[in-house]
Amino acid sequence: MARFLLRRLLNYTVLVALATALGYFLAGATLHPRANYEGRNPPLPAAVIDKQLDELNLNDHTPVVQRFGRWLGGVTHGDFGKTVAGDSVTTEMTRRMGVSLRLLLLGSVLGGVIGVGVGVLGAVRQYRLSDYATTALSFLILSTPVFLVAVLLKLSALNLNQLTGAQLLDYTGEYTPGLTGGTLHILLDRVSHLILPTLSIVLGQAAFFSRYQRNAMLDVLGSDFLRTAQAKGLRRRQALIKHGLRTALIPMATFFAYNFGLLLTGAAFTEKIFGWHGMGEWFVDSVSNNDVNVVVAVTLFAAVLVLIAGLLSDLAYAVLDPRVRI
């Protein structure tokens, strides 16, 4: 098992390095930090612009390979460079990572668990009313863009607060600025701000996973090994949980892992709409600001997320299917 995981870790590390290098060259070739200075009034002298860009390691007159080497040298010491505003990318990234991870981890886990549960029930109760209802609801959610789901949730919270005359759900930011009180009071405030953005992620994830889990479960329901398990004395529910669900979860483990890495880009809409200043929002802003160092830092963050998720997927795969350990 250890050798299997170590081999996978080495593979993922190489892929992270390649993805980060590709991200740097792509961002360095397509983004134009010089445009942030050339449009100013009064115009800045070219020498001043070059000096400023050199200090930020963003001068397009310097070969991109040379800029990448300088950036990579800083990364080995924990320095991811500076933003176009001159702030430390490392400091800002550290703060924003916590914001995004709080949102993504909770939303992904809840969405995955609910999706798997709904998918299994849909397969076991195929063509019954509950199966039709969950299928229709899943397709409705999947056909609705993430940003529209977030806006609808925000409007629903606003109407609920107006109807009840109390602030039951908060829909802007991570917490109420300047709030004072005990630990429980502050914790409840955090939870109140967390519900809606998490729900906007959970709905899409649950609908997505339920469709795949339902089909995976249907594939194993008529399998010989399930009939054999029942013939040996197991009840149908026991056979489904012990053998059917375990087999159906194998492809879902890999699917869940790589979907987690891609979720970062989808969460950008959620962070923007609900005022969470995480990595997704930072990425969108940095592209419009021609901020190469930030774009590469977010690319590296997403690649590392895929690496971690991939390792967890491999671990789950090895637990569910002992053949891969060989």
C-alpha atoms as a PDB file:
ATOM      1  CA  MET A   1       0.000   0.000   0.000  1.00  0.00           C
ATOM      2  CA  ALA A   2       2.783   2.475   0.937  1.00  0.00           C
ATOM      3  CA  ARG A   3       4.668   1.771  -2.295  1.00  0.00           C
ATOM      4  CA  PHE A   4       1.478   2.256  -4.303  1.00  0.00           C
ATOM      5  CA  LEU A   5       0.728   5.625  -2.664  1.00  0.00           C
ATOM      6  CA  LEU A   6       4.348   6.777  -2.967  1.00  0.00           C
ATOM      7  CA  ARG A   7       4.335   5.999  -6.678  1.00  0.00           C
ATOM      8  CA  ARG A   8       1.139   7.944  -7.131  1.00  0.00           C
ATOM      9  CA  LEU A   9       2.525  10.876  -5.094  1.00  0.00           C
ATOM     10  CA  LEU A  10       5.558  11.104  -7.376  1.00  0.00           C
ATOM     11  CA  ASN A  11       3.333  11.079 -10.450  1.00  0.00           C
ATOM     12  CA  TYR A  12       1.107  13.819  -9.050  1.00  0.00           C
ATOM     13  CA  THR A  13       4.094  15.954  -8.026  1.00  0.00           C
ATOM     14  CA  VAL A  14       5.438  15.884 -11.575  1.00  0.00           C
ATOM     15  CA  LEU A  15       2.000  16.839 -12.902  1.00  0.00           C
ATOM     16  CA  VAL A  16       1.737  19.746 -10.434  1.00  0.00           C
ATOM     17  CA  ALA A  17       5.145  21.041 -11.551  1.00  0.00           C
ATOM     18  CA  LEU A  18       4.156  20.772 -15.223  1.00  0.00           C
ATOM     19  CA  ALA A  19       0.770  22.452 -14.640  1.00  0.00           C
ATOM     20  CA  THR A  20       2.399  25.312 -12.739  1.00  0.00           C
ATOM     21  CA  ALA A  21       5.084  25.872 -15.387  1.00  0.00           C
ATOM     22  CA  LEU A  22       2.494  25.780 -18.151  1.00  0.00           C
ATOM     23  CA  GLY A  23       0.314  28.210 -16.167  1.00  0.00           C
ATOM     24  CA  TYR A  24       3.222  30.631 -15.786  1.00  0.00           C
ATOM     25  CA  PHE A  25       4.185  30.595 -19.467  1.00  0.00           C
ATOM     26  CA  LEU A  26       0.557  30.944 -20.536  1.00  0.00           C
ATOM     27  CA  ALA A  27      -0.122  33.829 -18.136  1.00  0.00           C
ATOM     28  CA  GLY A  28       3.214  35.467 -18.952  1.00  0.00           C
ATOM     29  CA  ALA A  29       2.485  35.307 -22.681  1.00  0.00           C
ATOM     30  CA  THR A  30      -1.157  36.456 -22.622  1.00  0.00           C
ATOM     31  CA  LEU A  31      -1.430  38.955 -19.739  1.00  0.00           C
ATOM     32  CA  HIS A  32       0.032  42.458 -20.104  1.00  0.00           C
ATOM     33  CA  PRO A  33       0.920  44.095 -16.761  1.00  0.00           C
ATOM     34  CA  ARG A  34       2.493  46.999 -18.698  1.00  0.00           C
ATOM     35  CA  ALA A  35      -1.027  48.063 -19.755  1.00  0.00           C
ATOM     36  CA  ASN A  36      -1.792  48.878 -16.091  1.00  0.00           C
ATOM     37  CA  TYR A  37       0.788  51.709 -16.256  1.00  0.00           C
ATOM     38  CA  GLU A  38       0.592  52.912 -19.864  1.00  0.00           C
ATOM     39  CA  GLY A  39      -2.995  54.123 -19.556  1.00  0.00           C
ATOM     40  CA  ARG A  40      -2.330  56.522 -16.691  1.00  0.00           C
ATOM     41  CA  ASN A  41      -2.784  60.267 -16.922  1.00  0.00           C
ATOM     42  CA  PRO A  42      -0.345  61.978 -16.878  1.00  0.00           C
ATOM     43  CA  PRO A  43       1.590  59.247 -18.745  1.00  0.00           C
ATOM     44  CA  LEU A  44       4.568  57.665 -17.005  1.00  0.00           C
ATOM     45  CA  PRO A  45       8.032  57.643 -18.632  1.00  0.00           C
ATOM     46  CA  ALA A  46       8.960  54.282 -20.169  1.00  0.00           C
ATOM     47  CA  ALA A  47      11.991  54.006 -17.878  1.00  0.00           C
ATOM     48  CA  VAL A  48       9.781  54.387 -14.796  1.00  0.00           C
ATOM     49  CA  ILE A  49       7.392  51.695 -16.060  1.00  0.00           C
ATOM     50  CA  ASP A  50      10.272  49.312 -16.805  1.00  0.00           C
ATOM     51  CA  LYS A  51      11.760  49.902 -13.342  1.00  0.00           C
ATOM     52  CA  GLN A  52       8.428  49.199 -11.657  1.00  0.00           C
ATOM     53  CA  LEU A  53       7.826  46.059 -13.734  1.00  0.00           C
ATOM     54  CA  ASP A  54      11.373  44.836 -13.054  1.00  0.00           C
ATOM     55  CA  GLU A  55      10.798  45.150  -9.310  1.00  0.00           C
ATOM     56  CA  LEU A  56       7.654  43.016  -9.664  1.00  0.00           C
ATOM     57  CA  ASN A  57       9.350  40.555 -12.074  1.00  0.00           C
ATOM     58  CA  LEU A  58       6.639  41.351 -14.626  1.00  0.00           C
ATOM     59  CA  ASN A  59       8.605  43.155 -17.339  1.00  0.00           C
ATOM     60  CA  ASP A  60       7.564  41.737 -20.702  1.00  0.00           C
ATOM     61  CA  HIS A  61      10.893  42.947 -22.171  1.00  0.00           C
ATOM     62  CA  THR A  62      12.580  40.249 -20.083  1.00  0.00           C
ATOM     63  CA  PRO A  63      12.347  36.733 -21.599  1.00  0.00           C
ATOM     64  CA  VAL A  64       9.563  34.753 -19.958  1.00  0.00           C
ATOM     65  CA  VAL A  65      11.953  31.857 -19.245  1.00  0.00           C
ATOM     66  CA  GLN A  66      14.169  34.218 -17.233  1.00  0.00           C
ATOM     67  CA  ARG A  67      11.146  35.582 -15.323  1.00  0.00           C
ATOM     68  CA  PHE A  68       9.966  32.047 -14.604  1.00  0.00           C
ATOM     69  CA  GLY A  69      13.393  31.070 -13.266  1.00  0.00           C
ATOM     70  CA  ARG A  70      13.416  34.086 -10.941  1.00  0.00           C
ATOM     71  CA  TRP A  71       9.862  33.335  -9.773  1.00  0.00           C
ATOM     72  CA  LEU A  72      10.680  29.643  -9.229  1.00  0.00           C
ATOM     73  CA  GLY A  73      13.741  30.580  -7.169  1.00  0.00           C
ATOM     74  CA  GLY A  74      11.512  32.654  -4.891  1.00  0.00           C
ATOM     75  CA  VAL A  75       8.939  29.862  -4.582  1.00  0.00           C
ATOM     76  CA  THR A  76      11.588  27.485  -3.245  1.00  0.00           C
ATOM     77  CA  HIS A  77      11.975  29.973  -0.346  1.00  0.00           C
ATOM     78  CA  GLY A  78       8.216  30.410   0.133  1.00  0.00           C
ATOM     79  CA  ASP A  79       8.032  33.696  -1.806  1.00  0.00           C
ATOM     80  CA  PHE A  80       5.412  33.718  -4.588  1.00  0.00           C
ATOM     81  CA  GLY A  81       6.305  37.225  -5.735  1.00  0.00           C
ATOM     82  CA  LYS A  82       4.288  40.424  -5.542  1.00  0.00           C
ATOM     83  CA  THR A  83       0.935  41.519  -6.913  1.00  0.00           C
ATOM     84  CA  VAL A  84       0.668  44.408  -9.387  1.00  0.00           C
ATOM     85  CA  ALA A  85      -0.157  46.577  -6.367  1.00  0.00           C
ATOM     86  CA  GLY A  86       3.147  45.573  -4.726  1.00  0.00           C
ATOM     87  CA  ASP A  87       1.630  43.385  -1.980  1.00  0.00           C
ATOM     88  CA  SER A  88       2.994  39.980  -1.028  1.00  0.00           C
ATOM     89  CA  VAL A  89       1.275  37.167  -2.958  1.00  0.00           C
ATOM     90  CA  THR A  90       2.260  34.688  -0.234  1.00  0.00           C
ATOM     91  CA  THR A  91       0.540  36.666   2.533  1.00  0.00           C
ATOM     92  CA  GLU A  92      -2.637  37.233   0.538  1.00  0.00           C
ATOM     93  CA  MET A  93      -2.738  33.631  -0.665  1.00  0.00           C
ATOM     94  CA  THR A  94      -2.388  32.284   2.870  1.00  0.00           C
ATOM     95  CA  ARG A  95      -5.380  34.328   4.004  1.00  0.00           C
ATOM     96  CA  ARG A  96      -7.562  33.487   1.015  1.00  0.00           C
ATOM     97  CA  MET A  97      -6.775  29.749   1.056  1.00  0.00           C
ATOM     98  CA  GLY A  98      -8.484  29.412   4.415  1.00  0.00           C
ATOM     99  CA  VAL A  99     -11.575  31.193   3.103  1.00  0.00           C
ATOM    100  CA  SER A 100     -11.891  28.961   0.038  1.00  0.00           C
ATOM    101  CA  LEU A 101     -11.114  25.723   1.861  1.00  0.00           C
ATOM    102  CA  ARG A 102     -13.760  26.384   4.504  1.00  0.00           C
ATOM    103  CA  LEU A 103     -16.298  26.765   1.733  1.00  0.00           C
ATOM    104  CA  LEU A 104     -15.120  24.072  -0.674  1.00  0.00           C
ATOM    105  CA  LEU A 105     -14.433  21.287   1.803  1.00  0.00           C
ATOM    106  CA  LEU A 106     -17.783  21.526   3.529  1.00  0.00           C
ATOM    107  CA  GLY A 107     -19.706  21.954   0.272  1.00  0.00           C
ATOM    108  CA  SER A 108     -17.886  19.091  -1.459  1.00  0.00           C
ATOM    109  CA  VAL A 109     -18.237  16.601   1.390  1.00  0.00           C
ATOM    110  CA  LEU A 110     -21.915  17.358   1.981  1.00  0.00           C
ATOM    111  CA  GLY A 111     -22.653  17.377  -1.749  1.00  0.00           C
ATOM    112  CA  GLY A 112     -20.836  14.059  -2.243  1.00  0.00           C
ATOM    113  CA  VAL A 113     -22.525  12.296   0.680  1.00  0.00           C
ATOM    114  CA  ILE A 114     -26.011  13.550  -0.254  1.00  0.00           C
ATOM    115  CA  GLY A 115     -25.440  12.798  -3.945  1.00  0.00           C
ATOM    116  CA  VAL A 116     -24.315   9.223  -3.264  1.00  0.00           C
ATOM    117  CA  GLY A 117     -27.259   8.632  -0.921  1.00  0.00           C
ATOM    118  CA  VAL A 118     -29.804  10.010  -3.401  1.00  0.00           C
ATOM    119  CA  GLY A 119     -28.207   8.048  -6.256  1.00  0.00           C
ATOM    120  CA  VAL A 120     -28.333   4.756  -4.358  1.00  0.00           C
ATOM    121  CA  LEU A 121     -31.971   5.271  -3.347  1.00  0.00           C
ATOM    122  CA  GLY A 122     -32.862   6.208  -6.924  1.00  0.00           C
ATOM    123  CA  ALA A 123     -31.291   2.997  -8.243  1.00  0.00           C
ATOM    124  CA  VAL A 124     -32.856   0.735  -5.620  1.00  0.00           C
ATOM    125  CA  ARG A 125     -36.274   2.360  -6.118  1.00  0.00           C
ATOM    126  CA  GLN A 126     -35.967   2.688  -9.900  1.00  0.00           C
ATOM    127  CA  TYR A 127     -39.064   3.951 -11.775  1.00  0.00           C
ATOM    128  CA  ARG A 128     -40.901   4.758  -8.572  1.00  0.00           C
ATOM    129  CA  LEU A 129     -42.245   8.181  -7.670  1.00  0.00           C
ATOM    130  CA  SER A 130     -39.219   9.069  -5.526  1.00  0.00           C
ATOM    131  CA  ASP A 131     -36.881   8.134  -8.402  1.00  0.00           C
ATOM    132  CA  TYR A 132     -38.777  10.336 -10.863  1.00  0.00           C
ATOM    133  CA  ALA A 133     -38.874  13.207  -8.345  1.00  0.00           C
ATOM    134  CA  THR A 134     -35.123  13.134  -7.592  1.00  0.00           C
ATOM    135  CA  THR A 135     -34.315  12.744 -11.300  1.00  0.00           C
ATOM    136  CA  ALA A 136     -36.418  15.776 -12.235  1.00  0.00           C
ATOM    137  CA  LEU A 137     -34.973  17.856  -9.393  1.00  0.00           C
ATOM    138  CA  SER A 138     -31.409  16.858 -10.297  1.00  0.00           C
ATOM    139  CA  PHE A 139     -31.821  17.825 -13.934  1.00  0.00           C
ATOM    140  CA  LEU A 140     -33.457  21.119 -12.917  1.00  0.00           C
ATOM    141  CA  ILE A 141     -30.473  22.003 -10.702  1.00  0.00           C
ATOM    142  CA  LEU A 142     -27.909  20.834 -13.263  1.00  0.00           C
ATOM    143  CA  SER A 143     -29.523  22.932 -15.982  1.00  0.00           C
ATOM    144  CA  THR A 144     -29.406  26.047 -13.788  1.00  0.00           C
ATOM    145  CA  PRO A 145     -26.098  27.984 -13.849  1.00  0.00           C
ATOM    146  CA  VAL A 146     -24.245  28.247 -10.534  1.00  0.00           C
ATOM    147  CA  PHE A 147     -24.471  32.017 -10.413  1.00  0.00           C
ATOM    148  CA  LEU A 148     -28.260  31.868 -10.937  1.00  0.00           C
ATOM    149  CA  VAL A 149     -28.650  29.350  -8.092  1.00  0.00           C
ATOM    150  CA  ALA A 150     -26.612  31.665  -5.848  1.00  0.00           C
ATOM    151  CA  VAL A 151     -28.699  34.705  -6.772  1.00  0.00           C
ATOM    152  CA  LEU A 152     -31.959  32.799  -6.171  1.00  0.00           C
ATOM    153  CA  LEU A 153     -30.732  31.677  -2.743  1.00  0.00           C
ATOM    154  CA  LYS A 154     -29.775  35.238  -1.915  1.00  0.00           C
ATOM    155  CA  LEU A 155     -33.203  36.561  -2.931  1.00  0.00           C
ATOM    156  CA  SER A 156     -34.917  33.786  -0.956  1.00  0.00           C
ATOM    157  CA  ALA A 157     -32.955  34.715   2.167  1.00  0.00           C
ATOM    158  CA  LEU A 158     -33.814  38.377   1.681  1.00  0.00           C
ATOM    159  CA  ASN A 159     -37.548  37.601   1.398  1.00  0.00           C
ATOM    160  CA  LEU A 160     -37.414  35.253   4.391  1.00  0.00           C
ATOM    161  CA  ASN A 161     -35.774  37.925   6.531  1.00  0.00           C
ATOM    162  CA  GLN A 162     -38.369  40.495   5.454  1.00  0.00           C
ATOM    163  CA  LEU A 163     -41.301  38.145   6.144  1.00  0.00           C
ATOM    164  CA  THR A 164     -40.084  37.183   9.610  1.00  0.00           C
ATOM    165  CA  GLY A 165     -38.772  40.624  10.497  1.00  0.00           C
ATOM    166  CA  ALA A 166     -35.520  39.096  11.731  1.00  0.00           C
ATOM    167  CA  GLN A 167     -32.083  38.491  10.215  1.00  0.00           C
ATOM    168  CA  LEU A 168     -32.360  34.683  10.070  1.00  0.00           C
ATOM    169  CA  LEU A 169     -29.914  34.190   7.200  1.00  0.00           C
ATOM    170  CA  ASP A 170     -26.963  36.368   6.223  1.00  0.00           C
ATOM    171  CA  TYR A 171     -25.973  36.551   2.570  1.00  0.00           C
ATOM    172  CA  THR A 172     -22.944  38.853   2.441  1.00  0.00           C
ATOM    173  CA  GLY A 173     -19.443  38.160   3.725  1.00  0.00           C
ATOM    174  CA  GLU A 174     -18.028  35.594   6.135  1.00  0.00           C
ATOM    175  CA  TYR A 175     -19.079  37.351   9.324  1.00  0.00           C
ATOM    176  CA  THR A 176     -20.678  40.522  10.654  1.00  0.00           C
ATOM    177  CA  PRO A 177     -17.976  43.221  10.906  1.00  0.00           C
ATOM    178  CA  GLY A 178     -17.505  44.621  14.398  1.00  0.00           C
ATOM    179  CA  LEU A 179     -19.638  41.927  16.035  1.00  0.00           C
ATOM    180  CA  THR A 180     -18.969  41.508  19.738  1.00  0.00           C
ATOM    181  CA  GLY A 181     -20.158  38.926  22.233  1.00  0.00           C
ATOM    182  CA  GLY A 182     -19.344  35.459  23.463  1.00  0.00           C
ATOM    183  CA  THR A 183     -17.814  32.604  21.497  1.00  0.00           C
ATOM    184  CA  LEU A 184     -21.199  30.984  20.860  1.00  0.00           C
ATOM    185  CA  HIS A 185     -22.640  34.240  19.529  1.00  0.00           C
ATOM    186  CA  ILE A 186     -19.721  34.700  17.114  1.00  0.00           C
ATOM    187  CA  LEU A 187     -19.875  31.037  16.068  1.00  0.00           C
ATOM    188  CA  LEU A 188     -23.599  31.287  15.271  1.00  0.00           C
ATOM    189  CA  ASP A 189     -22.904  34.406  13.223  1.00  0.00           C
ATOM    190  CA  ARG A 190     -20.288  32.496  11.218  1.00  0.00           C
ATOM    191  CA  VAL A 191     -22.691  29.601  10.651  1.00  0.00           C
ATOM    192  CA  SER A 192     -25.418  31.986   9.529  1.00  0.00           C
ATOM    193  CA  HIS A 193     -23.079  33.463   6.897  1.00  0.00           C
ATOM    194  CA  LEU A 194     -21.904  29.993   5.831  1.00  0.00           C
ATOM    195  CA  ILE A 195     -25.292  28.391   5.110  1.00  0.00           C
ATOM    196  CA  LEU A 196     -26.217  30.009   1.787  1.00  0.00           C
ATOM    197  CA  PRO A 197     -22.843  29.874  -0.043  1.00  0.00           C
ATOM    198  CA  THR A 198     -22.381  26.278   1.112  1.00  0.00           C
ATOM    199  CA  LEU A 199     -25.882  25.404  -0.070  1.00  0.00           C
ATOM    200  CA  SER A 200     -25.186  26.867  -3.514  1.00  0.00           C
ATOM    201  CA  ILE A 201     -22.264  24.434  -3.847  1.00  0.00           C
ATOM    202  CA  VAL A 202     -23.999  21.458  -2.213  1.00  0.00           C
ATOM    203  CA  LEU A 203     -27.013  21.596  -4.562  1.00  0.00           C
ATOM    204  CA  GLY A 204     -24.917  21.348  -7.715  1.00  0.00           C
ATOM    205  CA  GLN A 205     -22.587  18.710  -6.308  1.00  0.00           C
ATOM    206  CA  ALA A 206     -25.416  16.543  -4.958  1.00  0.00           C
ATOM    207  CA  ALA A 207     -27.310  16.670  -8.269  1.00  0.00           C
ATOM    208  CA  PHE A 208     -24.140  15.851 -10.211  1.00  0.00           C
ATOM    209  CA  PHE A 209     -23.049  12.906  -8.050  1.00  0.00           C
ATOM    210  CA  SER A 210     -26.551  11.476  -7.690  1.00  0.00           C
ATOM    211  CA  ARG A 211     -26.772  10.939 -11.465  1.00  0.00           C
ATOM    212  CA  TYR A 212     -23.454   9.111 -11.643  1.00  0.00           C
ATOM    213  CA  GLN A 213     -24.063   7.100  -8.482  1.00  0.00           C
ATOM    214  CA  ARG A 214     -27.511   6.019  -9.673  1.00  0.00           C
ATOM    215  CA  ASN A 215     -26.100   4.691 -12.959  1.00  0.00           C
ATOM    216  CA  ALA A 216     -23.135   3.015 -11.227  1.00  0.00           C
ATOM    217  CA  MET A 217     -25.489   1.338  -8.747  1.00  0.00           C
ATOM    218  CA  LEU A 218     -27.847   0.145 -11.510  1.00  0.00           C
ATOM    219  CA  ASP A 219     -24.890  -1.560 -13.195  1.00  0.00           C
ATOM    220  CA  VAL A 220     -24.238  -3.741 -10.144  1.00  0.00           C
ATOM    221  CA  LEU A 221     -27.831  -4.437  -9.032  1.00  0.00           C
ATOM    222  CA  GLY A 222     -28.218  -7.370 -11.420  1.00  0.00           C
ATOM    223  CA  SER A 223     -24.702  -8.713 -10.903  1.00  0.00           C
ATOM    224  CA  ASP A 224     -24.013 -12.373 -10.180  1.00  0.00           C
ATOM    225  CA  PHE A 225     -22.025 -11.582  -7.032  1.00  0.00           C
ATOM    226  CA  LEU A 226     -25.082  -9.932  -5.464  1.00  0.00           C
ATOM    227  CA  ARG A 227     -27.249 -12.963  -6.176  1.00  0.00           C
ATOM    228  CA  THR A 228     -24.484 -15.193  -4.812  1.00  0.00           C
ATOM    229  CA  ALA A 229     -24.271 -13.123  -1.628  1.00  0.00           C
ATOM    230  CA  GLN A 230     -28.041 -13.418  -1.135  1.00  0.00           C
ATOM    231  CA  ALA A 231     -27.925 -17.151  -1.863  1.00  0.00           C
ATOM    232  CA  LYS A 232     -25.363 -17.510   0.936  1.00  0.00           C
ATOM    233  CA  GLY A 233     -27.797 -16.042   3.436  1.00  0.00           C
ATOM    234  CA  LEU A 234     -27.364 -12.281   3.288  1.00  0.00           C
ATOM    235  CA  ARG A 235     -30.491 -10.197   3.145  1.00  0.00           C
ATOM    236  CA  ARG A 236     -30.915  -7.965   0.076  1.00  0.00           C
ATOM    237  CA  ARG A 237     -30.161  -4.793   2.043  1.00  0.00           C
ATOM    238  CA  GLN A 238     -27.040  -6.341   3.561  1.00  0.00           C
ATOM    239  CA  ALA A 239     -25.845  -7.565   0.145  1.00  0.00           C
ATOM    240  CA  LEU A 240     -26.476  -4.161  -1.415  1.00  0.00           C
ATOM    241  CA  ILE A 241     -24.546  -2.277   1.258  1.00  0.00           C
ATOM    242  CA  LYS A 242     -21.697  -4.741   1.757  1.00  0.00           C
ATOM    243  CA  HIS A 243     -21.052  -5.714  -1.870  1.00  0.00           C
ATOM    244  CA  GLY A 244     -23.148  -3.578  -4.257  1.00  0.00           C
ATOM    245  CA  LEU A 245     -22.452  -0.134  -2.810  1.00  0.00           C
ATOM    246  CA  ARG A 246     -18.777  -0.912  -2.320  1.00  0.00           C
ATOM    247  CA  THR A 247     -18.369  -1.873  -5.979  1.00  0.00           C
ATOM    248  CA  ALA A 248     -20.385   1.099  -7.222  1.00  0.00           C
ATOM    249  CA  LEU A 249     -18.309   3.538  -5.153  1.00  0.00           C
ATOM    250  CA  ILE A 250     -15.014   2.592  -6.850  1.00  0.00           C
ATOM    251  CA  PRO A 251     -15.453   4.779  -9.966  1.00  0.00           C
ATOM    252  CA  MET A 252     -17.034   7.519  -7.837  1.00  0.00           C
ATOM    253  CA  ALA A 253     -13.885   7.883  -5.715  1.00  0.00           C
ATOM    254  CA  THR A 254     -11.811   8.967  -8.705  1.00  0.00           C
ATOM    255  CA  PHE A 255     -14.596  11.090 -10.096  1.00  0.00           C
ATOM    256  CA  PHE A 256     -15.097  12.899  -6.782  1.00  0.00           C
ATOM    257  CA  ALA A 257     -11.394  13.666  -6.432  1.00  0.00           C
ATOM    258  CA  TYR A 258     -10.873  15.362  -9.757  1.00  0.00           C
ATOM    259  CA  ASN A 259     -14.159  17.185  -9.548  1.00  0.00           C
ATOM    260  CA  PHE A 260     -12.956  18.738  -6.270  1.00  0.00           C
ATOM    261  CA  GLY A 261     -10.013  20.369  -8.027  1.00  0.00           C
ATOM    262  CA  LEU A 262     -12.231  21.764 -10.760  1.00  0.00           C
ATOM    263  CA  LEU A 263     -14.705  23.077  -8.211  1.00  0.00           C
ATOM    264  CA  LEU A 264     -12.410  26.028  -7.459  1.00  0.00           C
ATOM    265  CA  THR A 265     -13.308  27.763 -10.703  1.00  0.00           C
ATOM    266  CA  GLY A 266     -17.035  27.207 -10.166  1.00  0.00           C
ATOM    267  CA  ALA A 267     -16.758  28.556  -6.632  1.00  0.00           C
ATOM    268  CA  ALA A 268     -15.544  31.885  -8.029  1.00  0.00           C
ATOM    269  CA  PHE A 269     -19.158  32.822  -8.791  1.00  0.00           C
ATOM    270  CA  THR A 270     -20.273  31.805  -5.299  1.00  0.00           C
ATOM    271  CA  GLU A 271     -17.498  33.824  -3.666  1.00  0.00           C
ATOM    272  CA  LYS A 272     -18.237  36.865  -5.812  1.00  0.00           C
ATOM    273  CA  ILE A 273     -21.996  36.829  -5.221  1.00  0.00           C
ATOM    274  CA  PHE A 274     -21.821  36.172  -1.470  1.00  0.00           C
ATOM    275  CA  GLY A 275     -18.839  38.465  -0.848  1.00  0.00           C
ATOM    276  CA  TRP A 276     -16.384  35.761   0.251  1.00  0.00           C
ATOM    277  CA  HIS A 277     -12.851  36.893  -0.550  1.00  0.00           C
ATOM    278  CA  GLY A 278     -11.368  33.531  -1.467  1.00  0.00           C
ATOM    279  CA  MET A 279      -9.085  32.135  -4.161  1.00  0.00           C
ATOM    280  CA  GLY A 280     -11.790  31.943  -6.838  1.00  0.00           C
ATOM    281  CA  GLU A 281     -12.669  35.630  -6.522  1.00  0.00           C
ATOM    282  CA  TRP A 282      -8.947  36.493  -6.439  1.00  0.00           C
ATOM    283  CA  PHE A 283      -8.335  34.576  -9.659  1.00  0.00           C
ATOM    284  CA  VAL A 284     -11.077  36.420 -11.559  1.00  0.00           C
ATOM    285  CA  ASP A 285      -9.845  39.811 -10.307  1.00  0.00           C
ATOM    286  CA  SER A 286      -6.201  39.004 -11.080  1.00  0.00           C
ATOM    287  CA  VAL A 287      -6.960  38.074 -14.700  1.00  0.00           C
ATOM    288  CA  SER A 288      -8.651  41.442 -15.262  1.00  0.00           C
ATOM    289  CA  ASN A 289      -5.691  43.183 -13.518  1.00  0.00           C
ATOM    290  CA  ASN A 290      -3.067  41.353 -15.641  1.00  0.00           C
ATOM    291  CA  ASP A 291      -1.575  40.021 -12.409  1.00  0.00           C
ATOM    292  CA  VAL A 292       0.653  37.169 -13.611  1.00  0.00           C
ATOM    293  CA  ASN A 293       2.065  36.182 -10.216  1.00  0.00           C
ATOM    294  CA  VAL A 294      -1.396  35.836  -8.682  1.00  0.00           C
ATOM    295  CA  VAL A 295      -2.754  33.819 -11.617  1.00  0.00           C
ATOM    296  CA  VAL A 296       0.146  31.367 -11.313  1.00  0.00           C
ATOM    297  CA  ALA A 297      -0.248  31.161  -7.531  1.00  0.00           C
ATOM    298  CA  VAL A 298      -3.930  30.245  -7.919  1.00  0.00           C
ATOM    299  CA  THR A 299      -3.011  27.730 -10.633  1.00  0.00           C
ATOM    300  CA  LEU A 300      -0.528  26.116  -8.267  1.00  0.00           C
ATOM    301  CA  PHE A 301      -3.148  26.069  -5.492  1.00  0.00           C
ATOM    302  CA  ALA A 302      -5.672  24.330  -7.773  1.00  0.00           C
ATOM    303  CA  ALA A 303      -3.044  21.807  -8.890  1.00  0.00           C
ATOM    304  CA  VAL A 304      -2.138  20.994  -5.284  1.00  0.00           C
ATOM    305  CA  LEU A 305      -5.829  20.531  -4.489  1.00  0.00           C
ATOM    306  CA  VAL A 306      -6.060  17.994  -7.310  1.00  0.00           C
ATOM    307  CA  LEU A 307      -2.921  16.287  -5.987  1.00  0.00           C
ATOM    308  CA  ILE A 308      -4.344  15.943  -2.475  1.00  0.00           C
ATOM    309  CA  ALA A 309      -7.742  14.869  -3.759  1.00  0.00           C
ATOM    310  CA  GLY A 310      -6.101  12.383  -6.118  1.00  0.00           C
ATOM    311  CA  LEU A 311      -4.126  10.824  -3.279  1.00  0.00           C
ATOM    312  CA  LEU A 312      -7.263  10.500  -1.163  1.00  0.00           C
ATOM    313  CA  SER A 313      -9.005   8.970  -4.170  1.00  0.00           C
ATOM    314  CA  ASP A 314      -6.194   6.443  -4.620  1.00  0.00           C
ATOM    315  CA  LEU A 315      -6.359   5.596  -0.935  1.00  0.00           C
ATOM    316  CA  ALA A 316     -10.113   5.038  -1.137  1.00  0.00           C
ATOM    317  CA  TYR A 317      -9.648   3.053  -4.358  1.00  0.00           C
ATOM    318  CA  ALA A 318      -7.101   0.799  -2.697  1.00  0.00           C
ATOM    319  CA  VAL A 319      -9.395   0.230   0.278  1.00  0.00           C
ATOM    320  CA  LEU A 320     -12.414  -0.563  -1.919  1.00  0.00           C
ATOM    321  CA  ASP A 321     -10.549  -2.673  -4.494  1.00  0.00           C
ATOM    322  CA  PRO A 322      -7.550  -4.653  -3.122  1.00  0.00           C
ATOM    323  CA  ARG A 323      -6.403  -5.541  -6.670  1.00  0.00           C
ATOM    324  CA  VAL A 324      -4.875  -2.068  -7.211  1.00  0.00           C
ATOM    325  CA  ARG A 325      -2.421  -2.615  -4.325  1.00  0.00           C
ATOM    326  CA  ILE A 326      -0.631  -5.306  -6.296  1.00  0.00           C
END
